[in-house]
Amino acid sequence: MPKTVTSPLQKKLAIMLVEQRKKAGLRQVDLAKKMGVYQSWVTHMESGQRRIDVIELIELGKAIGFDAADMVRKLSRR
């Protein structure tokens, strides 16, 4: 099993998060401000250089406007 930061599922999750952010009309800097993090945190997350934990996924869902549980369901079907 590959390390989770480089796993295919982690890459798919990052792609899905970028899609959701763009769909919400947010730039990386906008999302970073809403979450209280640096833009580099968002950049690393979206590029797959940073693993996303469950709590962060929930917080991302609140900031972007998606349901984290639904995201996980979609991810597990891919």
PDB file of N, CA and C in Angstrom:
ATOM      1  N   MET A   1       0.851  -1.187   0.000  1.00  0.00           N
ATOM      2  CA  MET A   1       0.000   0.000   0.000  1.00  0.00           C
ATOM      3  C   MET A   1       0.891   1.241   0.000  1.00  0.00           C
ATOM      4  N   PRO A   2       0.661   2.178  -0.935  1.00  0.00           N
ATOM      5  CA  PRO A   2       1.489   3.386  -0.988  1.00  0.00           C
ATOM      6  C   PRO A   2       1.175   4.314   0.180  1.00  0.00           C
ATOM      7  N   LYS A   3       2.129   5.196   0.461  1.00  0.00           N
ATOM      8  CA  LYS A   3       1.874   6.201   1.494  1.00  0.00           C
ATOM      9  C   LYS A   3       0.652   7.009   1.072  1.00  0.00           C
ATOM     10  N   THR A   4      -0.150   7.407   2.037  1.00  0.00           N
ATOM     11  CA  THR A   4      -1.417   8.051   1.709  1.00  0.00           C
ATOM     12  C   THR A   4      -1.253   9.371   0.974  1.00  0.00           C
ATOM     13  N   VAL A   5      -0.162  10.087   1.196  1.00  0.00           N
ATOM     14  CA  VAL A   5      -0.002  11.381   0.537  1.00  0.00           C
ATOM     15  C   VAL A   5       0.171  11.207  -0.971  1.00  0.00           C
ATOM     16  N   THR A   6       0.636  10.049  -1.410  1.00  0.00           N
ATOM     17  CA  THR A   6       0.830   9.811  -2.844  1.00  0.00           C
ATOM     18  C   THR A   6      -0.144   8.774  -3.393  1.00  0.00           C
ATOM     19  N   SER A   7      -1.125   8.392  -2.618  1.00  0.00           N
ATOM     20  CA  SER A   7      -2.059   7.362  -3.063  1.00  0.00           C
ATOM     21  C   SER A   7      -3.014   7.915  -4.124  1.00  0.00           C
ATOM     22  N   PRO A   8      -3.519   7.043  -4.989  1.00  0.00           N
ATOM     23  CA  PRO A   8      -4.481   7.485  -5.998  1.00  0.00           C
ATOM     24  C   PRO A   8      -5.728   8.133  -5.389  1.00  0.00           C
ATOM     25  N   LEU A   9      -6.197   7.623  -4.265  1.00  0.00           N
ATOM     26  CA  LEU A   9      -7.381   8.223  -3.630  1.00  0.00           C
ATOM     27  C   LEU A   9      -7.101   9.634  -3.129  1.00  0.00           C
ATOM     28  N   GLN A  10      -5.906   9.841  -2.583  1.00  0.00           N
ATOM     29  CA  GLN A  10      -5.543  11.175  -2.102  1.00  0.00           C
ATOM     30  C   GLN A  10      -5.489  12.151  -3.278  1.00  0.00           C
ATOM     31  N   LYS A  11      -4.946  11.708  -4.396  1.00  0.00           N
ATOM     32  CA  LYS A  11      -4.882  12.558  -5.592  1.00  0.00           C
ATOM     33  C   LYS A  11      -6.281  12.886  -6.093  1.00  0.00           C
ATOM     34  N   LYS A  12      -7.174  11.897  -6.084  1.00  0.00           N
ATOM     35  CA  LYS A  12      -8.563  12.135  -6.510  1.00  0.00           C
ATOM     36  C   LYS A  12      -9.256  13.119  -5.581  1.00  0.00           C
ATOM     37  N   LEU A  13      -9.000  12.980  -4.285  1.00  0.00           N
ATOM     38  CA  LEU A  13      -9.592  13.905  -3.324  1.00  0.00           C
ATOM     39  C   LEU A  13      -9.116  15.325  -3.593  1.00  0.00           C
ATOM     40  N   ALA A  14      -7.838  15.498  -3.857  1.00  0.00           N
ATOM     41  CA  ALA A  14      -7.302  16.829  -4.140  1.00  0.00           C
ATOM     42  C   ALA A  14      -7.971  17.416  -5.384  1.00  0.00           C
ATOM     43  N   ILE A  15      -8.155  16.607  -6.419  1.00  0.00           N
ATOM     44  CA  ILE A  15      -8.812  17.067  -7.645  1.00  0.00           C
ATOM     45  C   ILE A  15     -10.251  17.480  -7.350  1.00  0.00           C
ATOM     46  N   MET A  16     -10.944  16.669  -6.558  1.00  0.00           N
ATOM     47  CA  MET A  16     -12.331  16.970  -6.214  1.00  0.00           C
ATOM     48  C   MET A  16     -12.424  18.273  -5.422  1.00  0.00           C
ATOM     49  N   LEU A  17     -11.463  18.507  -4.536  1.00  0.00           N
ATOM     50  CA  LEU A  17     -11.476  19.733  -3.735  1.00  0.00           C
ATOM     51  C   LEU A  17     -11.228  20.960  -4.603  1.00  0.00           C
ATOM     52  N   VAL A  18     -10.319  20.843  -5.562  1.00  0.00           N
ATOM     53  CA  VAL A  18     -10.070  21.959  -6.484  1.00  0.00           C
ATOM     54  C   VAL A  18     -11.351  22.261  -7.268  1.00  0.00           C
ATOM     55  N   GLU A  19     -12.006  21.220  -7.749  1.00  0.00           N
ATOM     56  CA  GLU A  19     -13.262  21.400  -8.494  1.00  0.00           C
ATOM     57  C   GLU A  19     -14.303  22.114  -7.646  1.00  0.00           C
ATOM     58  N   GLN A  20     -14.441  21.697  -6.382  1.00  0.00           N
ATOM     59  CA  GLN A  20     -15.430  22.319  -5.494  1.00  0.00           C
ATOM     60  C   GLN A  20     -15.080  23.772  -5.210  1.00  0.00           C
ATOM     61  N   ARG A  21     -13.787  24.051  -4.989  1.00  0.00           N
ATOM     62  CA  ARG A  21     -13.363  25.426  -4.716  1.00  0.00           C
ATOM     63  C   ARG A  21     -13.689  26.326  -5.912  1.00  0.00           C
ATOM     64  N   LYS A  22     -13.341  25.857  -7.102  1.00  0.00           N
ATOM     65  CA  LYS A  22     -13.593  26.654  -8.305  1.00  0.00           C
ATOM     66  C   LYS A  22     -15.089  26.824  -8.551  1.00  0.00           C
ATOM     67  N   LYS A  23     -15.854  25.759  -8.317  1.00  0.00           N
ATOM     68  CA  LYS A  23     -17.311  25.816  -8.479  1.00  0.00           C
ATOM     69  C   LYS A  23     -17.917  26.869  -7.548  1.00  0.00           C
ATOM     70  N   ALA A  24     -17.316  27.017  -6.366  1.00  0.00           N
ATOM     71  CA  ALA A  24     -17.791  28.004  -5.390  1.00  0.00           C
ATOM     72  C   ALA A  24     -17.306  29.416  -5.723  1.00  0.00           C
ATOM     73  N   GLY A  25     -16.475  29.531  -6.761  1.00  0.00           N
ATOM     74  CA  GLY A  25     -15.981  30.853  -7.158  1.00  0.00           C
ATOM     75  C   GLY A  25     -14.900  31.400  -6.244  1.00  0.00           C
ATOM     76  N   LEU A  26     -14.193  30.507  -5.585  1.00  0.00           N
ATOM     77  CA  LEU A  26     -13.142  30.928  -4.655  1.00  0.00           C
ATOM     78  C   LEU A  26     -11.762  30.740  -5.269  1.00  0.00           C
ATOM     79  N   ARG A  27     -10.890  31.696  -5.017  1.00  0.00           N
ATOM     80  CA  ARG A  27      -9.473  31.537  -5.350  1.00  0.00           C
ATOM     81  C   ARG A  27      -8.804  30.880  -4.149  1.00  0.00           C
ATOM     82  N   GLN A  28      -7.593  30.381  -4.355  1.00  0.00           N
ATOM     83  CA  GLN A  28      -6.868  29.776  -3.235  1.00  0.00           C
ATOM     84  C   GLN A  28      -6.727  30.752  -2.083  1.00  0.00           C
ATOM     85  N   VAL A  29      -6.425  31.987  -2.387  1.00  0.00           N
ATOM     86  CA  VAL A  29      -6.244  32.995  -1.337  1.00  0.00           C
ATOM     87  C   VAL A  29      -7.546  33.242  -0.576  1.00  0.00           C
ATOM     88  N   ASP A  30      -8.679  33.177  -1.280  1.00  0.00           N
ATOM     89  CA  ASP A  30      -9.983  33.352  -0.624  1.00  0.00           C
ATOM     90  C   ASP A  30     -10.250  32.213   0.353  1.00  0.00           C
ATOM     91  N   LEU A  31      -9.982  30.982  -0.096  1.00  0.00           N
ATOM     92  CA  LEU A  31     -10.185  29.817   0.762  1.00  0.00           C
ATOM     93  C   LEU A  31      -9.264  29.868   1.968  1.00  0.00           C
ATOM     94  N   ALA A  32      -8.018  30.232   1.742  1.00  0.00           N
ATOM     95  CA  ALA A  32      -7.063  30.333   2.844  1.00  0.00           C
ATOM     96  C   ALA A  32      -7.553  31.329   3.896  1.00  0.00           C
ATOM     97  N   LYS A  33      -8.050  32.453   3.446  1.00  0.00           N
ATOM     98  CA  LYS A  33      -8.551  33.477   4.377  1.00  0.00           C
ATOM     99  C   LYS A  33      -9.743  32.944   5.169  1.00  0.00           C
ATOM    100  N   LYS A  34     -10.675  32.267   4.486  1.00  0.00           N
ATOM    101  CA  LYS A  34     -11.851  31.716   5.179  1.00  0.00           C
ATOM    102  C   LYS A  34     -11.461  30.673   6.221  1.00  0.00           C
ATOM    103  N   MET A  35     -10.381  29.931   5.940  1.00  0.00           N
ATOM    104  CA  MET A  35      -9.963  28.854   6.841  1.00  0.00           C
ATOM    105  C   MET A  35      -8.949  29.318   7.889  1.00  0.00           C
ATOM    106  N   GLY A  36      -8.423  30.521   7.714  1.00  0.00           N
ATOM    107  CA  GLY A  36      -7.432  31.029   8.663  1.00  0.00           C
ATOM    108  C   GLY A  36      -6.072  30.366   8.507  1.00  0.00           C
ATOM    109  N   VAL A  37      -5.726  30.035   7.265  1.00  0.00           N
ATOM    110  CA  VAL A  37      -4.428  29.402   6.981  1.00  0.00           C
ATOM    111  C   VAL A  37      -3.732  30.216   5.894  1.00  0.00           C
ATOM    112  N   TYR A  38      -2.471  29.894   5.650  1.00  0.00           N
ATOM    113  CA  TYR A  38      -1.730  30.535   4.571  1.00  0.00           C
ATOM    114  C   TYR A  38      -2.150  29.940   3.224  1.00  0.00           C
ATOM    115  N   GLN A  39      -2.013  30.738   2.167  1.00  0.00           N
ATOM    116  CA  GLN A  39      -2.320  30.237   0.832  1.00  0.00           C
ATOM    117  C   GLN A  39      -1.457  29.029   0.499  1.00  0.00           C
ATOM    118  N   SER A  40      -0.222  28.995   0.990  1.00  0.00           N
ATOM    119  CA  SER A  40       0.667  27.864   0.708  1.00  0.00           C
ATOM    120  C   SER A  40       0.076  26.558   1.241  1.00  0.00           C
ATOM    121  N   TRP A  41      -0.689  26.614   2.332  1.00  0.00           N
ATOM    122  CA  TRP A  41      -1.350  25.422   2.869  1.00  0.00           C
ATOM    123  C   TRP A  41      -2.339  24.894   1.832  1.00  0.00           C
ATOM    124  N   VAL A  42      -3.125  25.786   1.243  1.00  0.00           N
ATOM    125  CA  VAL A  42      -4.090  25.394   0.223  1.00  0.00           C
ATOM    126  C   VAL A  42      -3.356  24.849  -1.004  1.00  0.00           C
ATOM    127  N   THR A  43      -2.305  25.528  -1.420  1.00  0.00           N
ATOM    128  CA  THR A  43      -1.526  25.088  -2.571  1.00  0.00           C
ATOM    129  C   THR A  43      -0.974  23.683  -2.360  1.00  0.00           C
ATOM    130  N   HIS A  44      -0.391  23.433  -1.198  1.00  0.00           N
ATOM    131  CA  HIS A  44       0.162  22.103  -0.897  1.00  0.00           C
ATOM    132  C   HIS A  44      -0.931  21.039  -0.846  1.00  0.00           C
ATOM    133  N   MET A  45      -2.068  21.383  -0.294  1.00  0.00           N
ATOM    134  CA  MET A  45      -3.177  20.433  -0.226  1.00  0.00           C
ATOM    135  C   MET A  45      -3.672  20.092  -1.624  1.00  0.00           C
ATOM    136  N   GLU A  46      -3.880  21.113  -2.437  1.00  0.00           N
ATOM    137  CA  GLU A  46      -4.424  20.888  -3.769  1.00  0.00           C
ATOM    138  C   GLU A  46      -3.442  20.205  -4.717  1.00  0.00           C
ATOM    139  N   SER A  47      -2.166  20.389  -4.482  1.00  0.00           N
ATOM    140  CA  SER A  47      -1.160  19.779  -5.358  1.00  0.00           C
ATOM    141  C   SER A  47      -0.794  18.360  -4.910  1.00  0.00           C
ATOM    142  N   GLY A  48      -1.353  17.927  -3.792  1.00  0.00           N
ATOM    143  CA  GLY A  48      -1.084  16.581  -3.311  1.00  0.00           C
ATOM    144  C   GLY A  48       0.172  16.466  -2.463  1.00  0.00           C
ATOM    145  N   GLN A  49       0.761  17.582  -2.098  1.00  0.00           N
ATOM    146  CA  GLN A  49       1.954  17.571  -1.253  1.00  0.00           C
ATOM    147  C   GLN A  49       1.608  17.464   0.230  1.00  0.00           C
ATOM    148  N   ARG A  50       0.342  17.568   0.534  1.00  0.00           N
ATOM    149  CA  ARG A  50      -0.130  17.543   1.921  1.00  0.00           C
ATOM    150  C   ARG A  50      -1.347  16.649   2.016  1.00  0.00           C
ATOM    151  N   ARG A  51      -1.319  15.750   2.980  1.00  0.00           N
ATOM    152  CA  ARG A  51      -2.452  14.858   3.218  1.00  0.00           C
ATOM    153  C   ARG A  51      -3.565  15.628   3.923  1.00  0.00           C
ATOM    154  N   ILE A  52      -4.802  15.276   3.621  1.00  0.00           N
ATOM    155  CA  ILE A  52      -5.971  15.937   4.198  1.00  0.00           C
ATOM    156  C   ILE A  52      -6.599  14.991   5.210  1.00  0.00           C
ATOM    157  N   ASP A  53      -6.721  15.432   6.456  1.00  0.00           N
ATOM    158  CA  ASP A  53      -7.349  14.561   7.447  1.00  0.00           C
ATOM    159  C   ASP A  53      -8.854  14.838   7.511  1.00  0.00           C
ATOM    160  N   VAL A  54      -9.561  14.032   8.251  1.00  0.00           N
ATOM    161  CA  VAL A  54     -11.022  14.104   8.304  1.00  0.00           C
ATOM    162  C   VAL A  54     -11.500  15.463   8.822  1.00  0.00           C
ATOM    163  N   ILE A  55     -10.876  15.955   9.847  1.00  0.00           N
ATOM    164  CA  ILE A  55     -11.288  17.241  10.427  1.00  0.00           C
ATOM    165  C   ILE A  55     -11.087  18.358   9.410  1.00  0.00           C
ATOM    166  N   GLU A  56      -9.953  18.331   8.704  1.00  0.00           N
ATOM    167  CA  GLU A  56      -9.708  19.346   7.682  1.00  0.00           C
ATOM    168  C   GLU A  56     -10.738  19.246   6.557  1.00  0.00           C
ATOM    169  N   LEU A  57     -11.114  18.035   6.186  1.00  0.00           N
ATOM    170  CA  LEU A  57     -12.117  17.852   5.146  1.00  0.00           C
ATOM    171  C   LEU A  57     -13.450  18.458   5.572  1.00  0.00           C
ATOM    172  N   ILE A  58     -13.823  18.260   6.818  1.00  0.00           N
ATOM    173  CA  ILE A  58     -15.060  18.851   7.335  1.00  0.00           C
ATOM    174  C   ILE A  58     -14.979  20.378   7.292  1.00  0.00           C
ATOM    175  N   GLU A  59     -13.847  20.929   7.737  1.00  0.00           N
ATOM    176  CA  GLU A  59     -13.664  22.380   7.725  1.00  0.00           C
ATOM    177  C   GLU A  59     -13.635  22.923   6.299  1.00  0.00           C
ATOM    178  N   LEU A  60     -13.011  22.192   5.383  1.00  0.00           N
ATOM    179  CA  LEU A  60     -13.014  22.591   3.976  1.00  0.00           C
ATOM    180  C   LEU A  60     -14.445  22.616   3.440  1.00  0.00           C
ATOM    181  N   GLY A  61     -15.232  21.616   3.816  1.00  0.00           N
ATOM    182  CA  GLY A  61     -16.627  21.561   3.389  1.00  0.00           C
ATOM    183  C   GLY A  61     -17.409  22.769   3.860  1.00  0.00           C
ATOM    184  N   LYS A  62     -17.185  23.164   5.101  1.00  0.00           N
ATOM    185  CA  LYS A  62     -17.871  24.346   5.633  1.00  0.00           C
ATOM    186  C   LYS A  62     -17.443  25.611   4.894  1.00  0.00           C
ATOM    187  N   ALA A  63     -16.152  25.734   4.623  1.00  0.00           N
ATOM    188  CA  ALA A  63     -15.624  26.942   3.983  1.00  0.00           C
ATOM    189  C   ALA A  63     -16.025  27.034   2.514  1.00  0.00           C
ATOM    190  N   ILE A  64     -16.050  25.892   1.838  1.00  0.00           N
ATOM    191  CA  ILE A  64     -16.345  25.890   0.399  1.00  0.00           C
ATOM    192  C   ILE A  64     -17.839  25.723   0.130  1.00  0.00           C
ATOM    193  N   GLY A  65     -18.499  24.939   0.986  1.00  0.00           N
ATOM    194  CA  GLY A  65     -19.933  24.734   0.810  1.00  0.00           C
ATOM    195  C   GLY A  65     -20.297  23.375   0.243  1.00  0.00           C
ATOM    196  N   PHE A  66     -19.653  22.332   0.725  1.00  0.00           N
ATOM    197  CA  PHE A  66     -20.017  20.973   0.334  1.00  0.00           C
ATOM    198  C   PHE A  66     -20.107  20.103   1.573  1.00  0.00           C
ATOM    199  N   ASP A  67     -20.768  18.963   1.432  1.00  0.00           N
ATOM    200  CA  ASP A  67     -20.917  18.025   2.535  1.00  0.00           C
ATOM    201  C   ASP A  67     -19.742  17.039   2.514  1.00  0.00           C
ATOM    202  N   ALA A  68     -18.941  17.027   3.566  1.00  0.00           N
ATOM    203  CA  ALA A  68     -17.756  16.173   3.626  1.00  0.00           C
ATOM    204  C   ALA A  68     -18.113  14.691   3.506  1.00  0.00           C
ATOM    205  N   ALA A  69     -19.208  14.271   4.133  1.00  0.00           N
ATOM    206  CA  ALA A  69     -19.614  12.866   4.051  1.00  0.00           C
ATOM    207  C   ALA A  69     -19.967  12.481   2.619  1.00  0.00           C
ATOM    208  N   ASP A  70     -20.624  13.393   1.913  1.00  0.00           N
ATOM    209  CA  ASP A  70     -20.966  13.145   0.519  1.00  0.00           C
ATOM    210  C   ASP A  70     -19.697  13.054  -0.328  1.00  0.00           C
ATOM    211  N   MET A  71     -18.724  13.885  -0.042  1.00  0.00           N
ATOM    212  CA  MET A  71     -17.451  13.858  -0.746  1.00  0.00           C
ATOM    213  C   MET A  71     -16.767  12.502  -0.563  1.00  0.00           C
ATOM    214  N   VAL A  72     -16.785  11.996   0.656  1.00  0.00           N
ATOM    215  CA  VAL A  72     -16.173  10.689   0.936  1.00  0.00           C
ATOM    216  C   VAL A  72     -16.911   9.580   0.196  1.00  0.00           C
ATOM    217  N   ARG A  73     -18.230   9.656   0.182  1.00  0.00           N
ATOM    218  CA  ARG A  73     -19.018   8.652  -0.565  1.00  0.00           C
ATOM    219  C   ARG A  73     -18.655   8.672  -2.044  1.00  0.00           C
ATOM    220  N   LYS A  74     -18.571   9.845  -2.621  1.00  0.00           N
ATOM    221  CA  LYS A  74     -18.204   9.963  -4.043  1.00  0.00           C
ATOM    222  C   LYS A  74     -16.796   9.454  -4.286  1.00  0.00           C
ATOM    223  N   LEU A  75     -15.900   9.741  -3.381  1.00  0.00           N
ATOM    224  CA  LEU A  75     -14.513   9.317  -3.510  1.00  0.00           C
ATOM    225  C   LEU A  75     -14.407   7.793  -3.454  1.00  0.00           C
ATOM    226  N   SER A  76     -15.203   7.168  -2.600  1.00  0.00           N
ATOM    227  CA  SER A  76     -15.118   5.715  -2.450  1.00  0.00           C
ATOM    228  C   SER A  76     -15.725   4.965  -3.637  1.00  0.00           C
ATOM    229  N   ARG A  77     -16.537   5.647  -4.443  1.00  0.00           N
ATOM    230  CA  ARG A  77     -17.153   5.028  -5.625  1.00  0.00           C
ATOM    231  C   ARG A  77     -16.266   5.138  -6.854  1.00  0.00           C
ATOM    232  N   ARG A  78     -15.318   6.030  -6.828  1.00  0.00           N
ATOM    233  CA  ARG A  78     -14.479   6.255  -8.013  1.00  0.00           C
ATOM    234  C   ARG A  78     -13.478   5.147  -8.200  1.00  0.00           C
TER     235      ARG A  78
END
